[in-house]
Amino acid sequence: MDGLEIQPMMEGIISLLLTIITYHLSSISREMKQFKKDYSELRNTCNGLISEQVSIRTKLDGLMKKTKRKPELPD
């Protein structure tokens, strides 16, 4: 085989490899977009949970302070 016969075969192989690489890169790109979307939703959910926790803790602290007071004796 001389160079003229090998060249089209190599071009075909390179083209096939580039197609496979492109397919995998686009797949990775789609997965990254989905990951960013899922991460954003998770972050929003966590922020909501943290604010709920702070609210509940504030209410509990208020209740605990009320129960720690000594009852006033009637005159």
PDB file of N, CA and C in Angstrom:
ATOM      1  N   MET A   1       0.841  -1.181   0.000  1.00  0.00           N
ATOM      2  CA  MET A   1       0.000   0.000   0.000  1.00  0.00           C
ATOM      3  C   MET A   1       0.881   1.236   0.000  1.00  0.00           C
ATOM      4  N   ASP A   2       0.539   2.106  -0.860  1.00  0.00           N
ATOM      5  CA  ASP A   2       1.283   3.364  -0.873  1.00  0.00           C
ATOM      6  C   ASP A   2       0.465   4.445  -0.160  1.00  0.00           C
ATOM      7  N   GLY A   3       1.025   5.618  -0.092  1.00  0.00           N
ATOM      8  CA  GLY A   3       0.411   6.718   0.649  1.00  0.00           C
ATOM      9  C   GLY A   3      -0.927   7.145   0.098  1.00  0.00           C
ATOM     10  N   LEU A   4      -1.131   6.993  -1.212  1.00  0.00           N
ATOM     11  CA  LEU A   4      -2.395   7.407  -1.810  1.00  0.00           C
ATOM     12  C   LEU A   4      -3.547   6.493  -1.390  1.00  0.00           C
ATOM     13  N   GLU A   5      -3.272   5.263  -1.066  1.00  0.00           N
ATOM     14  CA  GLU A   5      -4.324   4.340  -0.641  1.00  0.00           C
ATOM     15  C   GLU A   5      -4.590   4.456   0.863  1.00  0.00           C
ATOM     16  N   ILE A   6      -3.569   4.797   1.610  1.00  0.00           N
ATOM     17  CA  ILE A   6      -3.710   4.888   3.060  1.00  0.00           C
ATOM     18  C   ILE A   6      -4.399   6.196   3.464  1.00  0.00           C
ATOM     19  N   GLN A   7      -4.168   7.255   2.723  1.00  0.00           N
ATOM     20  CA  GLN A   7      -4.696   8.566   3.097  1.00  0.00           C
ATOM     21  C   GLN A   7      -6.230   8.573   3.216  1.00  0.00           C
ATOM     22  N   PRO A   8      -7.005   8.075   2.247  1.00  0.00           N
ATOM     23  CA  PRO A   8      -8.469   8.100   2.414  1.00  0.00           C
ATOM     24  C   PRO A   8      -8.932   7.246   3.604  1.00  0.00           C
ATOM     25  N   MET A   9      -8.242   6.140   3.847  1.00  0.00           N
ATOM     26  CA  MET A   9      -8.594   5.290   4.975  1.00  0.00           C
ATOM     27  C   MET A   9      -8.355   6.032   6.294  1.00  0.00           C
ATOM     28  N   MET A  10      -7.239   6.725   6.408  1.00  0.00           N
ATOM     29  CA  MET A  10      -6.928   7.491   7.619  1.00  0.00           C
ATOM     30  C   MET A  10      -7.907   8.648   7.802  1.00  0.00           C
ATOM     31  N   GLU A  11      -8.289   9.300   6.708  1.00  0.00           N
ATOM     32  CA  GLU A  11      -9.262  10.388   6.792  1.00  0.00           C
ATOM     33  C   GLU A  11     -10.602   9.869   7.315  1.00  0.00           C
ATOM     34  N   GLY A  12     -10.993   8.691   6.871  1.00  0.00           N
ATOM     35  CA  GLY A  12     -12.232   8.087   7.351  1.00  0.00           C
ATOM     36  C   GLY A  12     -12.171   7.761   8.835  1.00  0.00           C
ATOM     37  N   ILE A  13     -11.039   7.211   9.265  1.00  0.00           N
ATOM     38  CA  ILE A  13     -10.874   6.870  10.678  1.00  0.00           C
ATOM     39  C   ILE A  13     -10.882   8.130  11.538  1.00  0.00           C
ATOM     40  N   ILE A  14     -10.175   9.156  11.085  1.00  0.00           N
ATOM     41  CA  ILE A  14     -10.133  10.417  11.834  1.00  0.00           C
ATOM     42  C   ILE A  14     -11.527  11.033  11.892  1.00  0.00           C
ATOM     43  N   SER A  15     -12.258  10.997  10.802  1.00  0.00           N
ATOM     44  CA  SER A  15     -13.617  11.527  10.774  1.00  0.00           C
ATOM     45  C   SER A  15     -14.511  10.775  11.755  1.00  0.00           C
ATOM     46  N   LEU A  16     -14.391   9.464  11.795  1.00  0.00           N
ATOM     47  CA  LEU A  16     -15.174   8.650  12.723  1.00  0.00           C
ATOM     48  C   LEU A  16     -14.824   8.988  14.170  1.00  0.00           C
ATOM     49  N   LEU A  17     -13.549   9.108  14.460  1.00  0.00           N
ATOM     50  CA  LEU A  17     -13.127   9.451  15.817  1.00  0.00           C
ATOM     51  C   LEU A  17     -13.628  10.836  16.232  1.00  0.00           C
ATOM     52  N   LEU A  18     -13.569  11.797  15.327  1.00  0.00           N
ATOM     53  CA  LEU A  18     -14.066  13.141  15.628  1.00  0.00           C
ATOM     54  C   LEU A  18     -15.571  13.129  15.881  1.00  0.00           C
ATOM     55  N   THR A  19     -16.295  12.305  15.150  1.00  0.00           N
ATOM     56  CA  THR A  19     -17.733  12.184  15.352  1.00  0.00           C
ATOM     57  C   THR A  19     -18.028  11.603  16.734  1.00  0.00           C
ATOM     58  N   ILE A  20     -17.297  10.597  17.124  1.00  0.00           N
ATOM     59  CA  ILE A  20     -17.483   9.975  18.443  1.00  0.00           C
ATOM     60  C   ILE A  20     -17.158  10.979  19.556  1.00  0.00           C
ATOM     61  N   ILE A  21     -16.070  11.706  19.392  1.00  0.00           N
ATOM     62  CA  ILE A  21     -15.676  12.706  20.390  1.00  0.00           C
ATOM     63  C   ILE A  21     -16.744  13.790  20.500  1.00  0.00           C
ATOM     64  N   THR A  22     -17.263  14.257  19.371  1.00  0.00           N
ATOM     65  CA  THR A  22     -18.307  15.283  19.370  1.00  0.00           C
ATOM     66  C   THR A  22     -19.552  14.791  20.085  1.00  0.00           C
ATOM     67  N   TYR A  23     -19.939  13.550  19.842  1.00  0.00           N
ATOM     68  CA  TYR A  23     -21.113  12.973  20.502  1.00  0.00           C
ATOM     69  C   TYR A  23     -20.931  12.962  22.024  1.00  0.00           C
ATOM     70  N   HIS A  24     -19.772  12.523  22.478  1.00  0.00           N
ATOM     71  CA  HIS A  24     -19.529  12.456  23.918  1.00  0.00           C
ATOM     72  C   HIS A  24     -19.440  13.844  24.541  1.00  0.00           C
ATOM     73  N   LEU A  25     -18.853  14.790  23.848  1.00  0.00           N
ATOM     74  CA  LEU A  25     -18.782  16.152  24.380  1.00  0.00           C
ATOM     75  C   LEU A  25     -20.166  16.778  24.497  1.00  0.00           C
ATOM     76  N   SER A  26     -21.023  16.537  23.521  1.00  0.00           N
ATOM     77  CA  SER A  26     -22.380  17.081  23.606  1.00  0.00           C
ATOM     78  C   SER A  26     -23.151  16.411  24.735  1.00  0.00           C
ATOM     79  N   SER A  27     -22.908  15.131  24.958  1.00  0.00           N
ATOM     80  CA  SER A  27     -23.541  14.426  26.072  1.00  0.00           C
ATOM     81  C   SER A  27     -23.087  15.009  27.406  1.00  0.00           C
ATOM     82  N   ILE A  28     -21.811  15.261  27.532  1.00  0.00           N
ATOM     83  CA  ILE A  28     -21.266  15.865  28.752  1.00  0.00           C
ATOM     84  C   ILE A  28     -21.857  17.260  28.950  1.00  0.00           C
ATOM     85  N   SER A  29     -21.987  18.012  27.876  1.00  0.00           N
ATOM     86  CA  SER A  29     -22.554  19.355  27.959  1.00  0.00           C
ATOM     87  C   SER A  29     -23.994  19.313  28.461  1.00  0.00           C
ATOM     88  N   ARG A  30     -24.800  18.378  27.956  1.00  0.00           N
ATOM     89  CA  ARG A  30     -26.183  18.239  28.416  1.00  0.00           C
ATOM     90  C   ARG A  30     -26.223  17.861  29.894  1.00  0.00           C
ATOM     91  N   GLU A  31     -25.356  16.962  30.307  1.00  0.00           N
ATOM     92  CA  GLU A  31     -25.322  16.551  31.709  1.00  0.00           C
ATOM     93  C   GLU A  31     -24.920  17.710  32.617  1.00  0.00           C
ATOM     94  N   MET A  32     -23.990  18.538  32.175  1.00  0.00           N
ATOM     95  CA  MET A  32     -23.576  19.692  32.976  1.00  0.00           C
ATOM     96  C   MET A  32     -24.721  20.691  33.117  1.00  0.00           C
ATOM     97  N   LYS A  33     -25.472  20.921  32.049  1.00  0.00           N
ATOM     98  CA  LYS A  33     -26.624  21.824  32.134  1.00  0.00           C
ATOM     99  C   LYS A  33     -27.653  21.288  33.112  1.00  0.00           C
ATOM    100  N   GLN A  34     -27.923  19.998  33.067  1.00  0.00           N
ATOM    101  CA  GLN A  34     -28.876  19.387  33.991  1.00  0.00           C
ATOM    102  C   GLN A  34     -28.351  19.466  35.424  1.00  0.00           C
ATOM    103  N   PHE A  35     -27.054  19.258  35.598  1.00  0.00           N
ATOM    104  CA  PHE A  35     -26.448  19.352  36.929  1.00  0.00           C
ATOM    105  C   PHE A  35     -26.605  20.762  37.486  1.00  0.00           C
ATOM    106  N   LYS A  36     -26.352  21.778  36.654  1.00  0.00           N
ATOM    107  CA  LYS A  36     -26.485  23.161  37.109  1.00  0.00           C
ATOM    108  C   LYS A  36     -27.923  23.454  37.510  1.00  0.00           C
ATOM    109  N   LYS A  37     -28.881  22.945  36.744  1.00  0.00           N
ATOM    110  CA  LYS A  37     -30.293  23.147  37.060  1.00  0.00           C
ATOM    111  C   LYS A  37     -30.640  22.466  38.382  1.00  0.00           C
ATOM    112  N   ASP A  38     -30.218  21.214  38.546  1.00  0.00           N
ATOM    113  CA  ASP A  38     -30.500  20.479  39.774  1.00  0.00           C
ATOM    114  C   ASP A  38     -29.818  21.132  40.977  1.00  0.00           C
ATOM    115  N   TYR A  39     -28.598  21.597  40.786  1.00  0.00           N
ATOM    116  CA  TYR A  39     -27.866  22.255  41.865  1.00  0.00           C
ATOM    117  C   TYR A  39     -28.579  23.536  42.292  1.00  0.00           C
ATOM    118  N   SER A  40     -29.069  24.292  41.325  1.00  0.00           N
ATOM    119  CA  SER A  40     -29.785  25.525  41.627  1.00  0.00           C
ATOM    120  C   SER A  40     -31.049  25.234  42.433  1.00  0.00           C
ATOM    121  N   GLU A  41     -31.789  24.203  42.033  1.00  0.00           N
ATOM    122  CA  GLU A  41     -32.999  23.829  42.774  1.00  0.00           C
ATOM    123  C   GLU A  41     -32.646  23.370  44.188  1.00  0.00           C
ATOM    124  N   LEU A  42     -31.590  22.599  44.327  1.00  0.00           N
ATOM    125  CA  LEU A  42     -31.159  22.125  45.642  1.00  0.00           C
ATOM    126  C   LEU A  42     -30.731  23.283  46.523  1.00  0.00           C
ATOM    127  N   ARG A  43     -30.011  24.232  45.959  1.00  0.00           N
ATOM    128  CA  ARG A  43     -29.558  25.403  46.714  1.00  0.00           C
ATOM    129  C   ARG A  43     -30.754  26.218  47.208  1.00  0.00           C
ATOM    130  N   ASN A  44     -31.760  26.405  46.340  1.00  0.00           N
ATOM    131  CA  ASN A  44     -32.952  27.141  46.745  1.00  0.00           C
ATOM    132  C   ASN A  44     -33.701  26.405  47.852  1.00  0.00           C
ATOM    133  N   THR A  45     -33.786  25.095  47.741  1.00  0.00           N
ATOM    134  CA  THR A  45     -34.454  24.301  48.768  1.00  0.00           C
ATOM    135  C   THR A  45     -33.710  24.408  50.096  1.00  0.00           C
ATOM    136  N   CYS A  46     -32.398  24.313  50.064  1.00  0.00           N
ATOM    137  CA  CYS A  46     -31.594  24.426  51.293  1.00  0.00           C
ATOM    138  C   CYS A  46     -31.748  25.805  51.922  1.00  0.00           C
ATOM    139  N   ASN A  47     -31.766  26.844  51.106  1.00  0.00           N
ATOM    140  CA  ASN A  47     -31.951  28.195  51.644  1.00  0.00           C
ATOM    141  C   ASN A  47     -33.312  28.321  52.318  1.00  0.00           C
ATOM    142  N   GLY A  48     -34.331  27.731  51.708  1.00  0.00           N
ATOM    143  CA  GLY A  48     -35.661  27.738  52.318  1.00  0.00           C
ATOM    144  C   GLY A  48     -35.682  26.997  53.642  1.00  0.00           C
ATOM    145  N   LEU A  49     -34.998  25.851  53.680  1.00  0.00           N
ATOM    146  CA  LEU A  49     -34.932  25.076  54.926  1.00  0.00           C
ATOM    147  C   LEU A  49     -34.181  25.833  56.009  1.00  0.00           C
ATOM    148  N   ILE A  50     -33.132  26.511  55.637  1.00  0.00           N
ATOM    149  CA  ILE A  50     -32.371  27.287  56.619  1.00  0.00           C
ATOM    150  C   ILE A  50     -33.222  28.416  57.185  1.00  0.00           C
ATOM    151  N   SER A  51     -33.970  29.100  56.337  1.00  0.00           N
ATOM    152  CA  SER A  51     -34.823  30.184  56.838  1.00  0.00           C
ATOM    153  C   SER A  51     -35.931  29.632  57.727  1.00  0.00           C
ATOM    154  N   GLU A  52     -36.465  28.478  57.388  1.00  0.00           N
ATOM    155  CA  GLU A  52     -37.474  27.837  58.244  1.00  0.00           C
ATOM    156  C   GLU A  52     -36.865  27.454  59.595  1.00  0.00           C
ATOM    157  N   GLN A  53     -35.642  26.935  59.576  1.00  0.00           N
ATOM    158  CA  GLN A  53     -34.975  26.566  60.808  1.00  0.00           C
ATOM    159  C   GLN A  53     -34.769  27.782  61.701  1.00  0.00           C
ATOM    160  N   VAL A  54     -34.354  28.881  61.122  1.00  0.00           N
ATOM    161  CA  VAL A  54     -34.133  30.106  61.892  1.00  0.00           C
ATOM    162  C   VAL A  54     -35.458  30.584  62.485  1.00  0.00           C
ATOM    163  N   SER A  55     -36.511  30.510  61.693  1.00  0.00           N
ATOM    164  CA  SER A  55     -37.825  30.939  62.170  1.00  0.00           C
ATOM    165  C   SER A  55     -38.291  30.066  63.330  1.00  0.00           C
ATOM    166  N   ILE A  56     -38.156  28.764  63.199  1.00  0.00           N
ATOM    167  CA  ILE A  56     -38.568  27.845  64.262  1.00  0.00           C
ATOM    168  C   ILE A  56     -37.716  28.046  65.509  1.00  0.00           C
ATOM    169  N   ARG A  57     -36.420  28.227  65.311  1.00  0.00           N
ATOM    170  CA  ARG A  57     -35.528  28.436  66.451  1.00  0.00           C
ATOM    171  C   ARG A  57     -35.896  29.723  67.186  1.00  0.00           C
ATOM    172  N   THR A  58     -36.235  30.765  66.445  1.00  0.00           N
ATOM    173  CA  THR A  58     -36.621  32.028  67.063  1.00  0.00           C
ATOM    174  C   THR A  58     -37.896  31.849  67.883  1.00  0.00           C
ATOM    175  N   LYS A  59     -38.861  31.127  67.313  1.00  0.00           N
ATOM    176  CA  LYS A  59     -40.110  30.885  68.044  1.00  0.00           C
ATOM    177  C   LYS A  59     -39.854  30.056  69.294  1.00  0.00           C
ATOM    178  N   LEU A  60     -39.020  29.032  69.180  1.00  0.00           N
ATOM    179  CA  LEU A  60     -38.715  28.196  70.347  1.00  0.00           C
ATOM    180  C   LEU A  60     -37.964  28.979  71.414  1.00  0.00           C
ATOM    181  N   ASP A  61     -37.043  29.821  71.005  1.00  0.00           N
ATOM    182  CA  ASP A  61     -36.315  30.648  71.972  1.00  0.00           C
ATOM    183  C   ASP A  61     -37.282  31.571  72.708  1.00  0.00           C
ATOM    184  N   GLY A  62     -38.240  32.129  71.975  1.00  0.00           N
ATOM    185  CA  GLY A  62     -39.249  32.988  72.608  1.00  0.00           C
ATOM    186  C   GLY A  62     -40.095  32.212  73.597  1.00  0.00           C
ATOM    187  N   LEU A  63     -40.469  30.997  73.239  1.00  0.00           N
ATOM    188  CA  LEU A  63     -41.255  30.174  74.160  1.00  0.00           C
ATOM    189  C   LEU A  63     -40.440  29.776  75.383  1.00  0.00           C
ATOM    190  N   MET A  64     -39.190  29.459  75.198  1.00  0.00           N
ATOM    191  CA  MET A  64     -38.333  29.049  76.315  1.00  0.00           C
ATOM    192  C   MET A  64     -38.116  30.211  77.276  1.00  0.00           C
ATOM    193  N   LYS A  65     -37.983  31.425  76.758  1.00  0.00           N
ATOM    194  CA  LYS A  65     -37.785  32.592  77.620  1.00  0.00           C
ATOM    195  C   LYS A  65     -39.044  32.861  78.430  1.00  0.00           C
ATOM    196  N   LYS A  66     -40.210  32.631  77.836  1.00  0.00           N
ATOM    197  CA  LYS A  66     -41.461  32.854  78.560  1.00  0.00           C
ATOM    198  C   LYS A  66     -41.620  31.857  79.695  1.00  0.00           C
ATOM    199  N   THR A  67     -41.213  30.632  79.500  1.00  0.00           N
ATOM    200  CA  THR A  67     -41.378  29.614  80.536  1.00  0.00           C
ATOM    201  C   THR A  67     -40.334  29.741  81.635  1.00  0.00           C
ATOM    202  N   LYS A  68     -39.233  30.399  81.379  1.00  0.00           N
ATOM    203  CA  LYS A  68     -38.185  30.536  82.390  1.00  0.00           C
ATOM    204  C   LYS A  68     -38.497  31.653  83.394  1.00  0.00           C
ATOM    205  N   ARG A  69     -39.418  32.528  83.059  1.00  0.00           N
ATOM    206  CA  ARG A  69     -39.765  33.606  83.986  1.00  0.00           C
ATOM    207  C   ARG A  69     -40.441  33.030  85.229  1.00  0.00           C
ATOM    208  N   LYS A  70     -40.187  33.670  86.335  1.00  0.00           N
ATOM    209  CA  LYS A  70     -40.865  33.266  87.568  1.00  0.00           C
ATOM    210  C   LYS A  70     -42.273  33.826  87.529  1.00  0.00           C
ATOM    211  N   PRO A  71     -43.235  33.007  87.900  1.00  0.00           N
ATOM    212  CA  PRO A  71     -44.608  33.534  87.908  1.00  0.00           C
ATOM    213  C   PRO A  71     -44.758  34.631  88.950  1.00  0.00           C
ATOM    214  N   GLU A  72     -45.496  35.651  88.565  1.00  0.00           N
ATOM    215  CA  GLU A  72     -45.713  36.772  89.492  1.00  0.00           C
ATOM    216  C   GLU A  72     -46.766  36.368  90.513  1.00  0.00           C
ATOM    217  N   LEU A  73     -46.497  36.696  91.744  1.00  0.00           N
ATOM    218  CA  LEU A  73     -47.440  36.392  92.818  1.00  0.00           C
ATOM    219  C   LEU A  73     -48.501  37.481  92.890  1.00  0.00           C
ATOM    220  N   PRO A  74     -49.740  37.077  93.062  1.00  0.00           N
ATOM    221  CA  PRO A  74     -50.786  38.119  93.185  1.00  0.00           C
ATOM    222  C   PRO A  74     -50.639  38.888  94.493  1.00  0.00           C
ATOM    223  N   ASP A  75     -51.019  40.131  94.478  1.00  0.00           N
ATOM    224  CA  ASP A  75     -50.912  40.998  95.674  1.00  0.00           C
ATOM    225  C   ASP A  75     -52.012  40.724  96.650  1.00  0.00           C
TER     226      ASP A  75
END
